[in-house]
Amino acid sequence: MKRLYANASNVRYEHDCLSIGFSDGSRVVLPVAGLPEFEGFSAKDFQQLEVTFGGKAISCEAQDLDVSITGLIATSQPLMDLATSLVASRNGRKSSAAKTAAARANGKKGGRPRKEVPQPPETTDT
């Protein structure tokens, strides 16, 4: 069975950011300033963070914290915008039997209907 995503393999705290490494070699860096889960954490607490739950969460036993990595990433609006753009681009390129049939049916009708250009109202000068 093919995995849909890579599991996290390590987490580091550096330069006021969490750096989360994944099993495929990729890495995501998130600033902790915008993450309320880490409010009140000391430098020592950040050093005790570890990847848990099979690579799906980050935990800190000293703070009794277990937080989903997917949830952390989802709180980053720029990352979510990028993901949305990538998914839309990929899905727009997909071809299916339904798309092919619709394109052929439109072609038989003369193609895509043209947009109607509004005509200015006629004026009567007397």
PDB file of N, CA and C in Angstrom:
ATOM      1  N   MET A   1       0.832  -1.179   0.000  1.00  0.00           N
ATOM      2  CA  MET A   1       0.000   0.000   0.000  1.00  0.00           C
ATOM      3  C   MET A   1       0.880   1.248   0.000  1.00  0.00           C
ATOM      4  N   LYS A   2       0.559   2.189  -0.855  1.00  0.00           N
ATOM      5  CA  LYS A   2       1.349   3.410  -0.974  1.00  0.00           C
ATOM      6  C   LYS A   2       0.977   4.394   0.133  1.00  0.00           C
ATOM      7  N   ARG A   3       2.000   4.985   0.758  1.00  0.00           N
ATOM      8  CA  ARG A   3       1.757   5.993   1.794  1.00  0.00           C
ATOM      9  C   ARG A   3       1.338   7.296   1.140  1.00  0.00           C
ATOM     10  N   LEU A   4       0.413   7.981   1.780  1.00  0.00           N
ATOM     11  CA  LEU A   4      -0.040   9.266   1.264  1.00  0.00           C
ATOM     12  C   LEU A   4       0.883  10.398   1.681  1.00  0.00           C
ATOM     13  N   TYR A   5       1.632  10.217   2.758  1.00  0.00           N
ATOM     14  CA  TYR A   5       2.525  11.263   3.230  1.00  0.00           C
ATOM     15  C   TYR A   5       3.672  10.631   3.997  1.00  0.00           C
ATOM     16  N   ALA A   6       4.746  11.395   4.147  1.00  0.00           N
ATOM     17  CA  ALA A   6       5.908  10.909   4.886  1.00  0.00           C
ATOM     18  C   ALA A   6       5.699  11.145   6.380  1.00  0.00           C
ATOM     19  N   ASN A   7       6.187  10.243   7.189  1.00  0.00           N
ATOM     20  CA  ASN A   7       6.123  10.408   8.642  1.00  0.00           C
ATOM     21  C   ASN A   7       7.307  11.232   9.106  1.00  0.00           C
ATOM     22  N   ALA A   8       7.101  12.020  10.149  1.00  0.00           N
ATOM     23  CA  ALA A   8       8.191  12.805  10.720  1.00  0.00           C
ATOM     24  C   ALA A   8       9.202  11.854  11.350  1.00  0.00           C
ATOM     25  N   SER A   9      10.469  12.221  11.227  1.00  0.00           N
ATOM     26  CA  SER A   9      11.513  11.375  11.804  1.00  0.00           C
ATOM     27  C   SER A   9      12.311  12.104  12.882  1.00  0.00           C
ATOM     28  N   ASN A  10      12.290  13.446  12.871  1.00  0.00           N
ATOM     29  CA  ASN A  10      13.006  14.192  13.901  1.00  0.00           C
ATOM     30  C   ASN A  10      12.438  15.595  14.029  1.00  0.00           C
ATOM     31  N   VAL A  11      12.707  16.209  15.176  1.00  0.00           N
ATOM     32  CA  VAL A  11      12.292  17.588  15.427  1.00  0.00           C
ATOM     33  C   VAL A  11      13.426  18.293  16.157  1.00  0.00           C
ATOM     34  N   ARG A  12      13.690  19.533  15.741  1.00  0.00           N
ATOM     35  CA  ARG A  12      14.726  20.351  16.379  1.00  0.00           C
ATOM     36  C   ARG A  12      14.160  21.738  16.633  1.00  0.00           C
ATOM     37  N   TYR A  13      14.681  22.391  17.644  1.00  0.00           N
ATOM     38  CA  TYR A  13      14.324  23.777  17.930  1.00  0.00           C
ATOM     39  C   TYR A  13      15.548  24.612  17.625  1.00  0.00           C
ATOM     40  N   GLU A  14      15.418  25.540  16.696  1.00  0.00           N
ATOM     41  CA  GLU A  14      16.538  26.403  16.337  1.00  0.00           C
ATOM     42  C   GLU A  14      16.014  27.744  15.838  1.00  0.00           C
ATOM     43  N   HIS A  15      16.625  28.811  16.311  1.00  0.00           N
ATOM     44  CA  HIS A  15      16.289  30.178  15.887  1.00  0.00           C
ATOM     45  C   HIS A  15      14.803  30.487  16.063  1.00  0.00           C
ATOM     46  N   ASP A  16      14.242  30.146  17.222  1.00  0.00           N
ATOM     47  CA  ASP A  16      12.825  30.379  17.546  1.00  0.00           C
ATOM     48  C   ASP A  16      11.866  29.686  16.584  1.00  0.00           C
ATOM     49  N   CYS A  17      12.309  28.580  15.996  1.00  0.00           N
ATOM     50  CA  CYS A  17      11.472  27.816  15.068  1.00  0.00           C
ATOM     51  C   CYS A  17      11.572  26.323  15.376  1.00  0.00           C
ATOM     52  N   LEU A  18      10.497  25.616  15.049  1.00  0.00           N
ATOM     53  CA  LEU A  18      10.526  24.158  15.075  1.00  0.00           C
ATOM     54  C   LEU A  18      10.897  23.684  13.686  1.00  0.00           C
ATOM     55  N   SER A  19      11.878  22.838  13.598  1.00  0.00           N
ATOM     56  CA  SER A  19      12.304  22.256  12.335  1.00  0.00           C
ATOM     57  C   SER A  19      11.940  20.774  12.386  1.00  0.00           C
ATOM     58  N   ILE A  20      10.971  20.393  11.552  1.00  0.00           N
ATOM     59  CA  ILE A  20      10.458  19.023  11.559  1.00  0.00           C
ATOM     60  C   ILE A  20      10.963  18.308  10.315  1.00  0.00           C
ATOM     61  N   GLY A  21      11.752  17.246  10.514  1.00  0.00           N
ATOM     62  CA  GLY A  21      12.289  16.461   9.407  1.00  0.00           C
ATOM     63  C   GLY A  21      11.423  15.240   9.150  1.00  0.00           C
ATOM     64  N   PHE A  22      11.300  14.875   7.873  1.00  0.00           N
ATOM     65  CA  PHE A  22      10.456  13.745   7.486  1.00  0.00           C
ATOM     66  C   PHE A  22      11.293  12.614   6.905  1.00  0.00           C
ATOM     67  N   SER A  23      10.701  11.429   6.870  1.00  0.00           N
ATOM     68  CA  SER A  23      11.410  10.224   6.442  1.00  0.00           C
ATOM     69  C   SER A  23      11.859  10.278   4.986  1.00  0.00           C
ATOM     70  N   ASP A  24      11.245  11.138   4.175  1.00  0.00           N
ATOM     71  CA  ASP A  24      11.655  11.250   2.773  1.00  0.00           C
ATOM     72  C   ASP A  24      12.752  12.291   2.567  1.00  0.00           C
ATOM     73  N   GLY A  25      13.248  12.891   3.663  1.00  0.00           N
ATOM     74  CA  GLY A  25      14.320  13.875   3.575  1.00  0.00           C
ATOM     75  C   GLY A  25      13.835  15.316   3.544  1.00  0.00           C
ATOM     76  N   SER A  26      12.540  15.538   3.422  1.00  0.00           N
ATOM     77  CA  SER A  26      12.022  16.910   3.405  1.00  0.00           C
ATOM     78  C   SER A  26      11.960  17.451   4.833  1.00  0.00           C
ATOM     79  N   ARG A  27      11.767  18.760   4.943  1.00  0.00           N
ATOM     80  CA  ARG A  27      11.762  19.420   6.248  1.00  0.00           C
ATOM     81  C   ARG A  27      10.815  20.614   6.186  1.00  0.00           C
ATOM     82  N   VAL A  28      10.101  20.851   7.278  1.00  0.00           N
ATOM     83  CA  VAL A  28       9.228  22.013   7.420  1.00  0.00           C
ATOM     84  C   VAL A  28       9.708  22.794   8.632  1.00  0.00           C
ATOM     85  N   VAL A  29       9.817  24.114   8.485  1.00  0.00           N
ATOM     86  CA  VAL A  29      10.247  24.972   9.585  1.00  0.00           C
ATOM     87  C   VAL A  29       9.096  25.915   9.928  1.00  0.00           C
ATOM     88  N   LEU A  30       8.667  25.876  11.191  1.00  0.00           N
ATOM     89  CA  LEU A  30       7.539  26.692  11.649  1.00  0.00           C
ATOM     90  C   LEU A  30       7.979  27.601  12.790  1.00  0.00           C
ATOM     91  N   PRO A  31       7.699  28.909  12.703  1.00  0.00           N
ATOM     92  CA  PRO A  31       8.015  29.791  13.835  1.00  0.00           C
ATOM     93  C   PRO A  31       7.096  29.469  15.011  1.00  0.00           C
ATOM     94  N   VAL A  32       7.655  29.375  16.215  1.00  0.00           N
ATOM     95  CA  VAL A  32       6.842  29.018  17.378  1.00  0.00           C
ATOM     96  C   VAL A  32       6.038  30.203  17.900  1.00  0.00           C
ATOM     97  N   ALA A  33       6.363  31.408  17.459  1.00  0.00           N
ATOM     98  CA  ALA A  33       5.658  32.599  17.944  1.00  0.00           C
ATOM     99  C   ALA A  33       4.160  32.520  17.671  1.00  0.00           C
ATOM    100  N   GLY A  34       3.752  31.914  16.583  1.00  0.00           N
ATOM    101  CA  GLY A  34       2.340  31.834  16.251  1.00  0.00           C
ATOM    102  C   GLY A  34       1.669  30.551  16.699  1.00  0.00           C
ATOM    103  N   LEU A  35       2.339  29.760  17.510  1.00  0.00           N
ATOM    104  CA  LEU A  35       1.795  28.465  17.926  1.00  0.00           C
ATOM    105  C   LEU A  35       1.482  28.476  19.424  1.00  0.00           C
ATOM    106  N   PRO A  36       0.200  28.626  19.789  1.00  0.00           N
ATOM    107  CA  PRO A  36      -0.154  28.729  21.213  1.00  0.00           C
ATOM    108  C   PRO A  36       0.190  27.475  22.022  1.00  0.00           C
ATOM    109  N   GLU A  37       0.336  26.335  21.364  1.00  0.00           N
ATOM    110  CA  GLU A  37       0.674  25.094  22.077  1.00  0.00           C
ATOM    111  C   GLU A  37       2.010  25.209  22.816  1.00  0.00           C
ATOM    112  N   PHE A  38       2.897  26.079  22.324  1.00  0.00           N
ATOM    113  CA  PHE A  38       4.236  26.175  22.899  1.00  0.00           C
ATOM    114  C   PHE A  38       4.425  27.414  23.768  1.00  0.00           C
ATOM    115  N   GLU A  39       3.325  28.086  24.097  1.00  0.00           N
ATOM    116  CA  GLU A  39       3.392  29.254  24.967  1.00  0.00           C
ATOM    117  C   GLU A  39       3.894  28.813  26.342  1.00  0.00           C
ATOM    118  N   GLY A  40       4.863  29.528  26.867  1.00  0.00           N
ATOM    119  CA  GLY A  40       5.405  29.196  28.183  1.00  0.00           C
ATOM    120  C   GLY A  40       6.501  28.146  28.162  1.00  0.00           C
ATOM    121  N   PHE A  41       6.884  27.667  26.993  1.00  0.00           N
ATOM    122  CA  PHE A  41       7.967  26.686  26.892  1.00  0.00           C
ATOM    123  C   PHE A  41       9.307  27.366  27.142  1.00  0.00           C
ATOM    124  N   SER A  42      10.173  26.691  27.869  1.00  0.00           N
ATOM    125  CA  SER A  42      11.547  27.163  28.063  1.00  0.00           C
ATOM    126  C   SER A  42      12.433  26.529  26.991  1.00  0.00           C
ATOM    127  N   ALA A  43      13.660  27.013  26.901  1.00  0.00           N
ATOM    128  CA  ALA A  43      14.611  26.431  25.945  1.00  0.00           C
ATOM    129  C   ALA A  43      14.811  24.945  26.252  1.00  0.00           C
ATOM    130  N   LYS A  44      14.816  24.598  27.543  1.00  0.00           N
ATOM    131  CA  LYS A  44      14.985  23.197  27.941  1.00  0.00           C
ATOM    132  C   LYS A  44      13.797  22.353  27.466  1.00  0.00           C
ATOM    133  N   ASP A  45      12.574  22.907  27.580  1.00  0.00           N
ATOM    134  CA  ASP A  45      11.384  22.189  27.112  1.00  0.00           C
ATOM    135  C   ASP A  45      11.478  21.913  25.612  1.00  0.00           C
ATOM    136  N   PHE A  46      11.915  22.913  24.857  1.00  0.00           N
ATOM    137  CA  PHE A  46      12.032  22.728  23.407  1.00  0.00           C
ATOM    138  C   PHE A  46      13.060  21.652  23.067  1.00  0.00           C
ATOM    139  N   GLN A  47      14.139  21.572  23.845  1.00  0.00           N
ATOM    140  CA  GLN A  47      15.160  20.553  23.596  1.00  0.00           C
ATOM    141  C   GLN A  47      14.641  19.146  23.897  1.00  0.00           C
ATOM    142  N   GLN A  48      13.586  19.033  24.704  1.00  0.00           N
ATOM    143  CA  GLN A  48      13.028  17.727  25.064  1.00  0.00           C
ATOM    144  C   GLN A  48      11.936  17.261  24.101  1.00  0.00           C
ATOM    145  N   LEU A  49      11.625  18.042  23.084  1.00  0.00           N
ATOM    146  CA  LEU A  49      10.606  17.627  22.116  1.00  0.00           C
ATOM    147  C   LEU A  49      11.070  16.382  21.377  1.00  0.00           C
ATOM    148  N   GLU A  50      10.123  15.492  21.109  1.00  0.00           N
ATOM    149  CA  GLU A  50      10.442  14.292  20.344  1.00  0.00           C
ATOM    150  C   GLU A  50       9.267  13.917  19.453  1.00  0.00           C
ATOM    151  N   VAL A  51       9.573  13.219  18.379  1.00  0.00           N
ATOM    152  CA  VAL A  51       8.548  12.732  17.458  1.00  0.00           C
ATOM    153  C   VAL A  51       7.953  11.458  18.051  1.00  0.00           C
ATOM    154  N   THR A  52       6.615  11.407  18.078  1.00  0.00           N
ATOM    155  CA  THR A  52       5.919  10.254  18.657  1.00  0.00           C
ATOM    156  C   THR A  52       4.760   9.826  17.759  1.00  0.00           C
ATOM    157  N   PHE A  53       4.013   8.849  18.216  1.00  0.00           N
ATOM    158  CA  PHE A  53       2.835   8.335  17.506  1.00  0.00           C
ATOM    159  C   PHE A  53       3.159   7.977  16.054  1.00  0.00           C
ATOM    160  N   GLY A  54       4.265   7.270  15.883  1.00  0.00           N
ATOM    161  CA  GLY A  54       4.638   6.787  14.553  1.00  0.00           C
ATOM    162  C   GLY A  54       4.970   7.884  13.564  1.00  0.00           C
ATOM    163  N   GLY A  55       5.458   9.030  14.069  1.00  0.00           N
ATOM    164  CA  GLY A  55       5.832  10.130  13.182  1.00  0.00           C
ATOM    165  C   GLY A  55       4.701  11.093  12.886  1.00  0.00           C
ATOM    166  N   LYS A  56       3.612  10.987  13.623  1.00  0.00           N
ATOM    167  CA  LYS A  56       2.450  11.846  13.370  1.00  0.00           C
ATOM    168  C   LYS A  56       2.290  12.967  14.389  1.00  0.00           C
ATOM    169  N   ALA A  57       3.087  12.957  15.457  1.00  0.00           N
ATOM    170  CA  ALA A  57       2.925  13.951  16.516  1.00  0.00           C
ATOM    171  C   ALA A  57       4.275  14.341  17.104  1.00  0.00           C
ATOM    172  N   ILE A  58       4.250  15.467  17.819  1.00  0.00           N
ATOM    173  CA  ILE A  58       5.405  15.932  18.585  1.00  0.00           C
ATOM    174  C   ILE A  58       4.964  15.948  20.045  1.00  0.00           C
ATOM    175  N   SER A  59       5.826  15.442  20.917  1.00  0.00           N
ATOM    176  CA  SER A  59       5.482  15.363  22.335  1.00  0.00           C
ATOM    177  C   SER A  59       6.582  15.953  23.192  1.00  0.00           C
ATOM    178  N   CYS A  60       6.164  16.480  24.350  1.00  0.00           N
ATOM    179  CA  CYS A  60       7.096  16.938  25.381  1.00  0.00           C
ATOM    180  C   CYS A  60       6.550  16.434  26.708  1.00  0.00           C
ATOM    181  N   GLU A  61       7.216  15.448  27.267  1.00  0.00           N
ATOM    182  CA  GLU A  61       6.737  14.834  28.501  1.00  0.00           C
ATOM    183  C   GLU A  61       6.730  15.831  29.652  1.00  0.00           C
ATOM    184  N   ALA A  62       7.731  16.712  29.721  1.00  0.00           N
ATOM    185  CA  ALA A  62       7.823  17.679  30.818  1.00  0.00           C
ATOM    186  C   ALA A  62       6.624  18.624  30.845  1.00  0.00           C
ATOM    187  N   GLN A  63       6.070  18.952  29.688  1.00  0.00           N
ATOM    188  CA  GLN A  63       4.915  19.853  29.603  1.00  0.00           C
ATOM    189  C   GLN A  63       3.607  19.095  29.368  1.00  0.00           C
ATOM    190  N   ASP A  64       3.651  17.767  29.352  1.00  0.00           N
ATOM    191  CA  ASP A  64       2.475  16.931  29.085  1.00  0.00           C
ATOM    192  C   ASP A  64       1.785  17.376  27.792  1.00  0.00           C
ATOM    193  N   LEU A  65       2.578  17.476  26.728  1.00  0.00           N
ATOM    194  CA  LEU A  65       2.078  17.960  25.438  1.00  0.00           C
ATOM    195  C   LEU A  65       2.218  16.880  24.375  1.00  0.00           C
ATOM    196  N   ASP A  66       1.144  16.643  23.656  1.00  0.00           N
ATOM    197  CA  ASP A  66       1.144  15.827  22.447  1.00  0.00           C
ATOM    198  C   ASP A  66       0.389  16.644  21.409  1.00  0.00           C
ATOM    199  N   VAL A  67       1.065  17.000  20.322  1.00  0.00           N
ATOM    200  CA  VAL A  67       0.426  17.834  19.308  1.00  0.00           C
ATOM    201  C   VAL A  67       0.638  17.216  17.931  1.00  0.00           C
ATOM    202  N   SER A  68      -0.421  17.203  17.146  1.00  0.00           N
ATOM    203  CA  SER A  68      -0.387  16.638  15.797  1.00  0.00           C
ATOM    204  C   SER A  68       0.473  17.504  14.875  1.00  0.00           C
ATOM    205  N   ILE A  69       1.351  16.873  14.124  1.00  0.00           N
ATOM    206  CA  ILE A  69       2.174  17.611  13.164  1.00  0.00           C
ATOM    207  C   ILE A  69       1.297  18.180  12.057  1.00  0.00           C
ATOM    208  N   THR A  70       0.316  17.416  11.610  1.00  0.00           N
ATOM    209  CA  THR A  70      -0.616  17.912  10.594  1.00  0.00           C
ATOM    210  C   THR A  70      -1.334  19.154  11.103  1.00  0.00           C
ATOM    211  N   GLY A  71      -1.744  19.141  12.362  1.00  0.00           N
ATOM    212  CA  GLY A  71      -2.416  20.299  12.956  1.00  0.00           C
ATOM    213  C   GLY A  71      -1.515  21.513  13.016  1.00  0.00           C
ATOM    214  N   LEU A  72      -0.236  21.313  13.358  1.00  0.00           N
ATOM    215  CA  LEU A  72       0.707  22.433  13.397  1.00  0.00           C
ATOM    216  C   LEU A  72       0.872  23.054  12.017  1.00  0.00           C
ATOM    217  N   ILE A  73       1.024  22.206  11.019  1.00  0.00           N
ATOM    218  CA  ILE A  73       1.211  22.706   9.656  1.00  0.00           C
ATOM    219  C   ILE A  73      -0.050  23.408   9.170  1.00  0.00           C
ATOM    220  N   ALA A  74      -1.214  22.879   9.543  1.00  0.00           N
ATOM    221  CA  ALA A  74      -2.483  23.469   9.101  1.00  0.00           C
ATOM    222  C   ALA A  74      -2.708  24.864   9.677  1.00  0.00           C
ATOM    223  N   THR A  75      -2.046  25.204  10.785  1.00  0.00           N
ATOM    224  CA  THR A  75      -2.212  26.545  11.354  1.00  0.00           C
ATOM    225  C   THR A  75      -1.410  27.591  10.597  1.00  0.00           C
ATOM    226  N   SER A  76      -0.535  27.175   9.703  1.00  0.00           N
ATOM    227  CA  SER A  76       0.262  28.113   8.904  1.00  0.00           C
ATOM    228  C   SER A  76      -0.490  28.443   7.618  1.00  0.00           C
ATOM    229  N   GLN A  77      -1.067  29.642   7.546  1.00  0.00           N
ATOM    230  CA  GLN A  77      -1.850  30.025   6.372  1.00  0.00           C
ATOM    231  C   GLN A  77      -1.015  30.023   5.088  1.00  0.00           C
ATOM    232  N   PRO A  78       0.232  30.528   5.096  1.00  0.00           N
ATOM    233  CA  PRO A  78       1.025  30.457   3.863  1.00  0.00           C
ATOM    234  C   PRO A  78       1.252  29.023   3.379  1.00  0.00           C
ATOM    235  N   LEU A  79       1.500  28.087   4.304  1.00  0.00           N
ATOM    236  CA  LEU A  79       1.685  26.690   3.894  1.00  0.00           C
ATOM    237  C   LEU A  79       0.393  26.105   3.344  1.00  0.00           C
ATOM    238  N   MET A  80      -0.735  26.431   3.955  1.00  0.00           N
ATOM    239  CA  MET A  80      -2.018  25.920   3.470  1.00  0.00           C
ATOM    240  C   MET A  80      -2.356  26.503   2.098  1.00  0.00           C
ATOM    241  N   ASP A  81      -2.037  27.789   1.877  1.00  0.00           N
ATOM    242  CA  ASP A  81      -2.264  28.401   0.565  1.00  0.00           C
ATOM    243  C   ASP A  81      -1.418  27.709  -0.500  1.00  0.00           C
ATOM    244  N   LEU A  82      -0.165  27.417  -0.157  1.00  0.00           N
ATOM    245  CA  LEU A  82       0.716  26.716  -1.089  1.00  0.00           C
ATOM    246  C   LEU A  82       0.177  25.321  -1.393  1.00  0.00           C
ATOM    247  N   ALA A  83      -0.248  24.604  -0.368  1.00  0.00           N
ATOM    248  CA  ALA A  83      -0.790  23.254  -0.568  1.00  0.00           C
ATOM    249  C   ALA A  83      -2.043  23.292  -1.437  1.00  0.00           C
ATOM    250  N   THR A  84      -2.916  24.259  -1.194  1.00  0.00           N
ATOM    251  CA  THR A  84      -4.140  24.390  -1.986  1.00  0.00           C
ATOM    252  C   THR A  84      -3.807  24.637  -3.446  1.00  0.00           C
ATOM    253  N   SER A  85      -2.842  25.511  -3.685  1.00  0.00           N
ATOM    254  CA  SER A  85      -2.427  25.824  -5.054  1.00  0.00           C
ATOM    255  C   SER A  85      -1.848  24.594  -5.752  1.00  0.00           C
ATOM    256  N   LEU A  86      -1.022  23.836  -5.040  1.00  0.00           N
ATOM    257  CA  LEU A  86      -0.416  22.640  -5.630  1.00  0.00           C
ATOM    258  C   LEU A  86      -1.463  21.580  -5.952  1.00  0.00           C
ATOM    259  N   VAL A  87      -2.408  21.376  -5.045  1.00  0.00           N
ATOM    260  CA  VAL A  87      -3.455  20.373  -5.269  1.00  0.00           C
ATOM    261  C   VAL A  87      -4.340  20.790  -6.438  1.00  0.00           C
ATOM    262  N   ALA A  88      -4.705  22.069  -6.494  1.00  0.00           N
ATOM    263  CA  ALA A  88      -5.550  22.551  -7.590  1.00  0.00           C
ATOM    264  C   ALA A  88      -4.840  22.401  -8.927  1.00  0.00           C
ATOM    265  N   SER A  89      -3.556  22.703  -8.955  1.00  0.00           N
ATOM    266  CA  SER A  89      -2.780  22.569 -10.189  1.00  0.00           C
ATOM    267  C   SER A  89      -2.711  21.113 -10.631  1.00  0.00           C
ATOM    268  N   ARG A  90      -2.444  20.234  -9.685  1.00  0.00           N
ATOM    269  CA  ARG A  90      -2.351  18.807 -10.015  1.00  0.00           C
ATOM    270  C   ARG A  90      -3.694  18.251 -10.477  1.00  0.00           C
ATOM    271  N   ASN A  91      -4.755  18.595  -9.776  1.00  0.00           N
ATOM    272  CA  ASN A  91      -6.071  18.070 -10.123  1.00  0.00           C
ATOM    273  C   ASN A  91      -6.579  18.631 -11.444  1.00  0.00           C
ATOM    274  N   GLY A  92      -6.194  19.839 -11.786  1.00  0.00           N
ATOM    275  CA  GLY A  92      -6.619  20.435 -13.051  1.00  0.00           C
ATOM    276  C   GLY A  92      -6.015  19.735 -14.251  1.00  0.00           C
ATOM    277  N   ARG A  93      -4.891  19.075 -14.066  1.00  0.00           N
ATOM    278  CA  ARG A  93      -4.229  18.369 -15.163  1.00  0.00           C
ATOM    279  C   ARG A  93      -4.740  16.955 -15.349  1.00  0.00           C
ATOM    280  N   LYS A  94      -5.518  16.480 -14.409  1.00  0.00           N
ATOM    281  CA  LYS A  94      -6.009  15.102 -14.503  1.00  0.00           C
ATOM    282  C   LYS A  94      -7.032  14.982 -15.616  1.00  0.00           C
ATOM    283  N   SER A  95      -6.960  13.885 -16.324  1.00  0.00           N
ATOM    284  CA  SER A  95      -7.917  13.607 -17.386  1.00  0.00           C
ATOM    285  C   SER A  95      -8.757  12.415 -16.959  1.00  0.00           C
ATOM    286  N   SER A  96     -10.024  12.465 -17.290  1.00  0.00           N
ATOM    287  CA  SER A  96     -10.901  11.354 -16.950  1.00  0.00           C
ATOM    288  C   SER A  96     -11.810  11.078 -18.137  1.00  0.00           C
ATOM    289  N   ALA A  97     -12.461   9.958 -18.102  1.00  0.00           N
ATOM    290  CA  ALA A  97     -13.396   9.610 -19.176  1.00  0.00           C
ATOM    291  C   ALA A  97     -14.517  10.643 -19.250  1.00  0.00           C
ATOM    292  N   ALA A  98     -14.965  11.129 -18.104  1.00  0.00           N
ATOM    293  CA  ALA A  98     -16.041  12.129 -18.087  1.00  0.00           C
ATOM    294  C   ALA A  98     -15.581  13.440 -18.728  1.00  0.00           C
ATOM    295  N   LYS A  99     -14.340  13.880 -18.413  1.00  0.00           N
ATOM    296  CA  LYS A  99     -13.825  15.114 -19.022  1.00  0.00           C
ATOM    297  C   LYS A  99     -13.679  14.947 -20.530  1.00  0.00           C
ATOM    298  N   THR A 100     -13.182  13.803 -20.962  1.00  0.00           N
ATOM    299  CA  THR A 100     -13.005  13.541 -22.391  1.00  0.00           C
ATOM    300  C   THR A 100     -14.344  13.555 -23.103  1.00  0.00           C
ATOM    301  N   ALA A 101     -15.342  12.906 -22.538  1.00  0.00           N
ATOM    302  CA  ALA A 101     -16.676  12.862 -23.152  1.00  0.00           C
ATOM    303  C   ALA A 101     -17.285  14.258 -23.217  1.00  0.00           C
ATOM    304  N   ALA A 102     -17.123  15.047 -22.160  1.00  0.00           N
ATOM    305  CA  ALA A 102     -17.671  16.408 -22.150  1.00  0.00           C
ATOM    306  C   ALA A 102     -16.987  17.275 -23.201  1.00  0.00           C
ATOM    307  N   ALA A 103     -15.674  17.134 -23.348  1.00  0.00           N
ATOM    308  CA  ALA A 103     -14.947  17.918 -24.348  1.00  0.00           C
ATOM    309  C   ALA A 103     -15.403  17.549 -25.755  1.00  0.00           C
ATOM    310  N   ARG A 104     -15.599  16.269 -26.008  1.00  0.00           N
ATOM    311  CA  ARG A 104     -16.070  15.838 -27.337  1.00  0.00           C
ATOM    312  C   ARG A 104     -17.478  16.343 -27.612  1.00  0.00           C
ATOM    313  N   ALA A 105     -18.355  16.271 -26.615  1.00  0.00           N
ATOM    314  CA  ALA A 105     -19.734  16.754 -26.786  1.00  0.00           C
ATOM    315  C   ALA A 105     -19.742  18.255 -27.064  1.00  0.00           C
ATOM    316  N   ASN A 106     -18.909  19.006 -26.356  1.00  0.00           N
ATOM    317  CA  ASN A 106     -18.829  20.453 -26.606  1.00  0.00           C
ATOM    318  C   ASN A 106     -18.280  20.735 -27.994  1.00  0.00           C
ATOM    319  N   GLY A 107     -17.322  19.933 -28.432  1.00  0.00           N
ATOM    320  CA  GLY A 107     -16.760  20.107 -29.776  1.00  0.00           C
ATOM    321  C   GLY A 107     -17.802  19.894 -30.857  1.00  0.00           C
ATOM    322  N   LYS A 108     -18.660  18.903 -30.673  1.00  0.00           N
ATOM    323  CA  LYS A 108     -19.726  18.641 -31.650  1.00  0.00           C
ATOM    324  C   LYS A 108     -20.738  19.778 -31.697  1.00  0.00           C
ATOM    325  N   LYS A 109     -20.873  20.491 -30.604  1.00  0.00           N
ATOM    326  CA  LYS A 109     -21.814  21.615 -30.550  1.00  0.00           C
ATOM    327  C   LYS A 109     -21.176  22.911 -31.043  1.00  0.00           C
ATOM    328  N   GLY A 110     -19.935  22.836 -31.453  1.00  0.00           N
ATOM    329  CA  GLY A 110     -19.260  24.046 -31.928  1.00  0.00           C
ATOM    330  C   GLY A 110     -18.245  24.595 -30.942  1.00  0.00           C
ATOM    331  N   GLY A 111     -17.950  23.859 -29.913  1.00  0.00           N
ATOM    332  CA  GLY A 111     -16.934  24.287 -28.955  1.00  0.00           C
ATOM    333  C   GLY A 111     -17.521  25.037 -27.775  1.00  0.00           C
ATOM    334  N   ARG A 112     -16.638  25.629 -27.032  1.00  0.00           N
ATOM    335  CA  ARG A 112     -17.043  26.368 -25.831  1.00  0.00           C
ATOM    336  C   ARG A 112     -17.862  27.584 -26.238  1.00  0.00           C
ATOM    337  N   PRO A 113     -18.990  27.801 -25.587  1.00  0.00           N
ATOM    338  CA  PRO A 113     -19.801  28.975 -25.939  1.00  0.00           C
ATOM    339  C   PRO A 113     -19.025  30.264 -25.682  1.00  0.00           C
ATOM    340  N   ARG A 114     -19.178  31.197 -26.579  1.00  0.00           N
ATOM    341  CA  ARG A 114     -18.498  32.481 -26.426  1.00  0.00           C
ATOM    342  C   ARG A 114     -19.242  33.327 -25.400  1.00  0.00           C
ATOM    343  N   LYS A 115     -18.469  34.125 -24.682  1.00  0.00           N
ATOM    344  CA  LYS A 115     -19.083  35.031 -23.723  1.00  0.00           C
ATOM    345  C   LYS A 115     -19.785  36.137 -24.493  1.00  0.00           C
ATOM    346  N   GLU A 116     -20.958  36.470 -24.025  1.00  0.00           N
ATOM    347  CA  GLU A 116     -21.687  37.551 -24.670  1.00  0.00           C
ATOM    348  C   GLU A 116     -21.116  38.872 -24.195  1.00  0.00           C
ATOM    349  N   VAL A 117     -20.822  39.737 -25.161  1.00  0.00           N
ATOM    350  CA  VAL A 117     -20.313  41.060 -24.842  1.00  0.00           C
ATOM    351  C   VAL A 117     -21.514  41.995 -24.770  1.00  0.00           C
ATOM    352  N   PRO A 118     -21.710  42.665 -23.642  1.00  0.00           N
ATOM    353  CA  PRO A 118     -22.862  43.554 -23.546  1.00  0.00           C
ATOM    354  C   PRO A 118     -22.741  44.699 -24.553  1.00  0.00           C
ATOM    355  N   GLN A 119     -23.826  44.941 -25.248  1.00  0.00           N
ATOM    356  CA  GLN A 119     -23.872  46.016 -26.240  1.00  0.00           C
ATOM    357  C   GLN A 119     -24.348  47.289 -25.556  1.00  0.00           C
ATOM    358  N   PRO A 120     -23.734  48.417 -25.912  1.00  0.00           N
ATOM    359  CA  PRO A 120     -24.210  49.669 -25.318  1.00  0.00           C
ATOM    360  C   PRO A 120     -25.632  49.955 -25.804  1.00  0.00           C
ATOM    361  N   PRO A 121     -26.448  50.551 -24.958  1.00  0.00           N
ATOM    362  CA  PRO A 121     -27.820  50.847 -25.378  1.00  0.00           C
ATOM    363  C   PRO A 121     -27.825  51.848 -26.533  1.00  0.00           C
ATOM    364  N   GLU A 122     -28.770  51.625 -27.447  1.00  0.00           N
ATOM    365  CA  GLU A 122     -28.880  52.540 -28.591  1.00  0.00           C
ATOM    366  C   GLU A 122     -29.500  53.842 -28.125  1.00  0.00           C
ATOM    367  N   THR A 123     -28.946  54.904 -28.619  1.00  0.00           N
ATOM    368  CA  THR A 123     -29.500  56.216 -28.267  1.00  0.00           C
ATOM    369  C   THR A 123     -30.231  56.773 -29.470  1.00  0.00           C
ATOM    370  N   THR A 124     -31.295  57.437 -29.209  1.00  0.00           N
ATOM    371  CA  THR A 124     -32.050  58.071 -30.297  1.00  0.00           C
ATOM    372  C   THR A 124     -31.883  59.564 -30.178  1.00  0.00           C
ATOM    373  N   ASP A 125     -31.163  60.106 -31.106  1.00  0.00           N
ATOM    374  CA  ASP A 125     -30.959  61.558 -31.126  1.00  0.00           C
ATOM    375  C   ASP A 125     -32.004  62.175 -32.040  1.00  0.00           C
ATOM    376  N   THR A 126     -32.787  63.049 -31.542  1.00  0.00           N
ATOM    377  CA  THR A 126     -33.793  63.725 -32.365  1.00  0.00           C
ATOM    378  C   THR A 126     -33.616  65.188 -32.373  1.00  0.00           C
TER     379      THR A 126
END
